[in-house]
Protein backbone atom coordinates (compact mmCIF):
# COMPACT_ATOMS: atom_id res chain seq x y z
CA MET A 1 78.65 37.62 128.33
CA THR A 2 77.96 41.32 127.78
CA ASN A 3 78.06 43.30 131.03
CA LEU A 4 76.19 46.53 131.72
CA GLU A 5 79.18 48.84 131.21
CA SER A 6 80.08 47.23 127.90
CA LEU A 7 76.48 47.41 126.70
CA ILE A 8 76.17 51.08 127.61
CA ARG A 9 79.43 51.86 125.82
CA ARG A 10 78.37 50.02 122.69
CA LEU A 11 74.90 51.53 122.68
CA SER A 12 76.47 54.98 122.88
CA ASP A 13 78.23 54.18 119.56
CA VAL A 14 74.84 54.07 117.79
CA PRO A 15 74.31 57.53 116.22
CA HIS A 16 70.72 57.65 117.49
CA PHE A 17 71.91 57.42 121.11
CA LYS A 18 75.00 59.61 120.90
CA GLY A 19 74.99 62.52 123.32
CA LEU A 20 72.68 60.96 125.89
CA PRO A 21 73.92 60.99 129.50
CA GLU A 22 74.97 57.71 131.08
CA SER A 23 71.91 57.71 133.32
CA ALA A 24 69.64 57.75 130.25
CA LEU A 25 71.67 55.01 128.57
CA LYS A 26 71.30 52.86 131.70
CA ASP A 27 67.51 53.31 131.61
CA ILE A 28 67.48 52.38 127.93
CA VAL A 29 69.66 49.30 128.43
CA TYR A 30 67.54 48.00 131.32
CA ALA A 31 64.36 48.50 129.26
CA GLY A 32 65.56 46.03 126.62
CA GLN A 33 67.13 42.59 126.42
CA ILE A 34 70.17 40.94 124.85
CA LEU A 35 69.37 38.20 122.33
CA ASN A 36 71.54 35.68 120.47
CA HIS A 37 70.59 34.44 116.99
CA PRO A 38 72.31 31.46 115.33
CA MET A 39 73.42 31.82 111.73
CA GLY A 40 70.53 31.32 109.32
CA SER A 41 67.80 31.95 111.88
CA VAL A 42 64.84 34.28 111.41
CA ILE A 43 64.98 37.12 113.92
CA PHE A 44 61.46 38.27 113.06
CA ASN A 45 59.03 37.87 110.17
CA GLU A 46 57.44 40.45 107.91
CA GLY A 47 53.82 41.08 108.77
CA GLU A 48 54.00 39.76 112.33
CA PRO A 49 53.05 42.06 115.24
CA SER A 50 55.73 44.59 116.17
CA SER A 51 58.91 42.93 117.37
CA GLY A 52 60.25 46.28 118.55
CA MET A 53 63.56 47.85 117.69
CA TYR A 54 66.89 46.03 117.51
CA VAL A 55 70.50 47.10 117.71
CA LEU A 56 72.99 44.76 116.04
CA PHE A 57 76.13 44.39 118.16
CA GLN A 58 77.70 41.36 116.51
CA GLY A 59 77.18 39.50 113.23
CA HIS A 60 75.49 40.33 109.94
CA VAL A 61 71.76 40.65 109.18
CA HIS A 62 69.77 40.79 105.96
CA LEU A 63 66.45 42.62 105.95
CA CYS A 64 64.27 41.05 103.29
CA LYS A 65 60.89 41.36 101.60
CA LEU A 66 59.04 38.70 99.63
CA GLY A 67 57.47 39.50 96.28
CA LEU A 68 54.11 38.31 94.98
CA HIS A 69 55.72 35.20 93.48
CA GLY A 70 57.83 34.38 96.54
CA GLN A 71 61.08 35.95 95.33
CA GLU A 72 63.27 37.36 98.06
CA THR A 73 64.64 40.89 97.84
CA ILE A 74 67.29 42.05 100.33
CA VAL A 75 66.39 45.64 101.10
CA ALA A 76 69.29 46.16 103.53
CA SER A 77 72.47 44.33 104.53
CA ILE A 78 73.52 45.56 107.96
CA LYS A 79 76.58 45.17 110.14
CA PRO A 80 77.42 46.42 113.68
CA VAL A 81 76.76 48.76 115.28
CA ILE A 82 73.42 49.81 113.82
CA MET A 83 69.75 49.69 114.75
CA PHE A 84 66.93 48.24 112.66
CA ASN A 85 63.16 47.72 112.64
CA GLU A 86 62.58 51.28 113.87
CA VAL A 87 59.19 51.83 112.17
CA PRO A 88 57.17 49.46 114.40
CA THR A 89 58.74 51.16 117.41
CA ILE A 90 57.10 54.41 116.28
CA ASP A 91 53.67 53.26 115.10
CA GLY A 92 53.27 49.89 116.85
CA GLY A 93 52.37 48.27 113.54
CA PRO A 94 53.58 44.98 112.08
CA ASN A 95 57.17 44.34 111.06
CA PRO A 96 57.74 45.75 107.55
CA VAL A 97 60.48 43.24 106.67
CA THR A 98 61.89 39.85 107.61
CA ALA A 99 65.26 39.86 109.41
CA ILE A 100 67.61 36.90 108.85
CA SER A 101 70.93 36.35 110.61
CA VAL A 102 73.64 35.76 107.99
CA GLN A 103 76.13 34.98 110.76
CA ASP A 104 75.77 34.24 114.47
CA CYS A 105 74.39 37.52 115.83
CA THR A 106 74.02 39.34 119.10
CA THR A 107 71.34 42.01 119.33
CA TRP A 108 69.73 44.28 121.87
CA ASN A 109 65.94 44.46 121.56
CA ILE A 110 63.35 46.81 123.04
CA SER A 111 59.58 46.50 122.66
CA TYR A 112 57.27 49.16 121.22
CA GLU A 113 55.61 49.69 124.61
CA ARG A 114 58.86 50.17 126.52
CA TYR A 115 60.33 52.49 123.90
CA GLN A 116 57.20 54.64 123.99
CA MET A 117 57.59 54.96 127.77
CA LEU A 118 61.25 55.95 127.36
CA MET A 119 60.37 58.66 124.84
CA GLN A 120 58.11 60.28 127.43
CA HIS A 121 61.15 60.69 129.70
CA TYR A 122 63.68 61.39 126.95
CA PRO A 123 61.99 63.25 124.05
CA GLU A 124 65.31 63.39 122.17
CA LEU A 125 64.90 59.68 121.50
CA GLY A 126 61.91 60.54 119.33
CA THR A 127 63.46 63.44 117.45
CA GLY A 128 66.65 61.46 116.85
CA LEU A 129 64.67 58.53 115.50
CA LEU A 130 62.92 60.82 113.03
CA GLN A 131 66.31 61.78 111.59
CA VAL A 132 67.22 58.11 111.21
CA LEU A 133 63.89 57.36 109.49
CA ALA A 134 64.38 60.30 107.13
CA ALA A 135 67.80 58.95 106.09
CA ARG A 136 66.37 55.46 105.54
CA ASN A 137 63.51 56.94 103.53
CA ARG A 138 65.98 58.69 101.22
CA LEU A 139 67.81 55.38 100.77
CA LEU A 140 64.57 53.67 99.76
CA PHE A 141 63.88 56.38 97.20
CA ALA A 142 67.39 55.88 95.77
CA ARG A 143 66.76 52.14 95.44
CA TYR A 144 63.42 52.78 93.77
CA GLU A 145 65.17 55.11 91.33
CA ASP A 146 67.63 52.28 90.53
CA LEU A 147 64.74 49.94 89.71
CA LEU A 148 63.17 52.54 87.43
CA SER A 149 66.28 53.73 85.63
CA LEU A 150 68.99 51.05 85.76
CA PRO A 151 68.92 47.90 83.60
CA VAL A 152 69.63 44.54 85.24
CA LEU A 153 73.27 44.51 84.07
CA ALA A 154 73.90 47.85 85.77
CA ARG A 155 72.18 46.74 89.01
CA VAL A 156 74.21 43.54 89.15
CA ALA A 157 77.43 45.50 88.46
CA LYS A 158 76.55 47.96 91.22
CA THR A 159 75.81 45.13 93.67
CA ILE A 160 79.12 43.39 92.94
CA LEU A 161 80.97 46.68 93.33
CA GLY A 162 79.41 47.15 96.75
CA LEU A 163 80.13 43.61 97.90
CA SER A 164 83.75 43.87 96.74
CA LEU A 165 84.27 47.29 98.34
CA MET A 166 84.99 48.85 94.95
CA GLY A 167 87.17 45.93 93.91
CA GLN A 168 89.29 45.82 97.06
CA LYS A 169 88.36 42.21 97.89
CA PRO A 170 86.90 39.20 96.08
CA VAL A 171 83.21 38.34 96.47
CA ASP A 172 82.81 34.96 98.18
CA ARG A 173 80.49 32.91 95.93
CA PHE A 174 79.61 30.55 98.77
CA VAL A 175 78.27 33.46 100.81
CA TYR A 176 76.90 35.50 97.91
CA THR A 177 75.33 32.98 95.57
CA ASN A 178 73.44 34.04 92.44
CA GLN A 179 70.29 33.90 94.54
CA LYS A 180 71.70 36.29 97.14
CA ILE A 181 73.07 38.68 94.54
CA ALA A 182 69.70 38.57 92.79
CA ALA A 183 67.98 39.46 96.05
CA LEU A 184 70.29 42.44 96.51
CA ALA A 185 69.89 43.60 92.90
CA ALA A 186 66.12 43.05 92.79
CA THR A 187 66.23 40.54 89.93
CA VAL A 188 66.31 36.75 89.45
CA PRO A 189 69.29 34.33 89.71
CA GLU A 190 69.22 33.55 85.98
CA ALA A 191 69.67 37.25 85.16
CA VAL A 192 72.59 37.44 87.60
CA SER A 193 74.26 34.47 85.90
CA ARG A 194 73.86 36.09 82.47
CA SER A 195 75.11 39.46 83.76
CA ILE A 196 78.22 37.97 85.37
CA LYS A 197 78.97 36.09 82.14
CA THR A 198 78.62 39.33 80.16
CA LEU A 199 80.87 41.27 82.53
CA ARG A 200 83.44 38.48 82.42
CA GLU A 201 83.41 38.49 78.63
CA MET A 202 83.92 42.27 78.72
CA GLY A 203 87.07 41.68 80.79
CA LEU A 204 85.76 43.60 83.83
CA LEU A 205 85.85 40.68 86.29
CA ASP A 206 86.93 37.09 86.75
CA SER A 207 84.43 34.56 88.05
CA THR A 208 84.98 31.04 89.41
CA ARG A 209 82.85 28.72 91.52
CA ASN A 210 84.55 30.19 94.61
CA LYS A 211 84.81 33.91 94.01
CA VAL A 212 84.30 36.93 91.81
CA THR A 213 87.35 39.18 91.42
CA ILE A 214 87.11 42.69 89.97
CA ARG A 215 89.61 43.44 87.20
CA SER A 216 88.58 47.03 86.50
CA ALA A 217 86.53 48.78 89.19
CA GLU A 218 86.45 52.03 87.19
CA GLU A 219 85.00 50.41 84.07
CA LEU A 220 82.59 48.37 86.16
CA ALA A 221 81.46 51.58 87.87
CA ASP A 222 80.76 53.04 84.42
CA ILE A 223 78.51 50.06 83.65
CA ALA A 224 76.82 50.49 87.04
CA GLN A 225 76.42 54.25 86.43
CA VAL A 226 77.77 55.08 89.88
CA GLY A 227 80.60 57.05 91.45
CA PRO A 228 82.96 55.54 94.05
CA MET A 229 80.76 56.62 97.01
CA ASP A 230 77.30 56.05 95.58
CA PHE A 231 76.87 52.46 96.67
CA GLU A 232 78.72 52.24 100.01
CA THR A 233 75.88 53.45 102.22
CA ASP A 234 73.38 51.52 100.13
CA MET A 235 75.05 48.22 100.87
CA GLN A 236 75.65 48.76 104.58
CA GLN A 237 72.55 50.48 105.92
């Protein structure tokens, strides 16, 4: 069970809330609620009325969008401690994405109405949120640029680099199936399968039913057309 002091301390770790006095953090905490989400559950759906803003304290969440033909694209893969679904907290509109718990998750949630009331008392909550939205907007532009300029092989290579932390750990194939990698790379599972086969034949990685292991992160980065730091934020925001 998360007590008040622990919740205040963890909320103060979120960049958006850093610098606020403890009295303000208490008001913010009391205005929201703690929620638990079992692995594989939908936290909220795209297009539904505003579910408010969330802060992820424990677990792993994918923010997804569905294409015209039902294909899933993971627009963000987030881990603690970070907030998400900020846009409906500003404009009161529908949720722009679907949030799915990849693991058992614990979140703190505040409604649009309550957050608007808090911003009247603490204007810095609004200005800080604008900075967060600006950073997320730049990330979306970077992803759009990838779709325009990078071929599928490069996008798959970049995704695998990010999941492996630049080759520091294997990619678990049970967690990141071809379908999941396709969703992250904005392609289809068949293209992921072909790309992994090509990269394996080039000697850049080893692939089994259980895992993908990077053999040459530097050469894979050349294929992905990225530097060592280019993908880290992209995979974790």
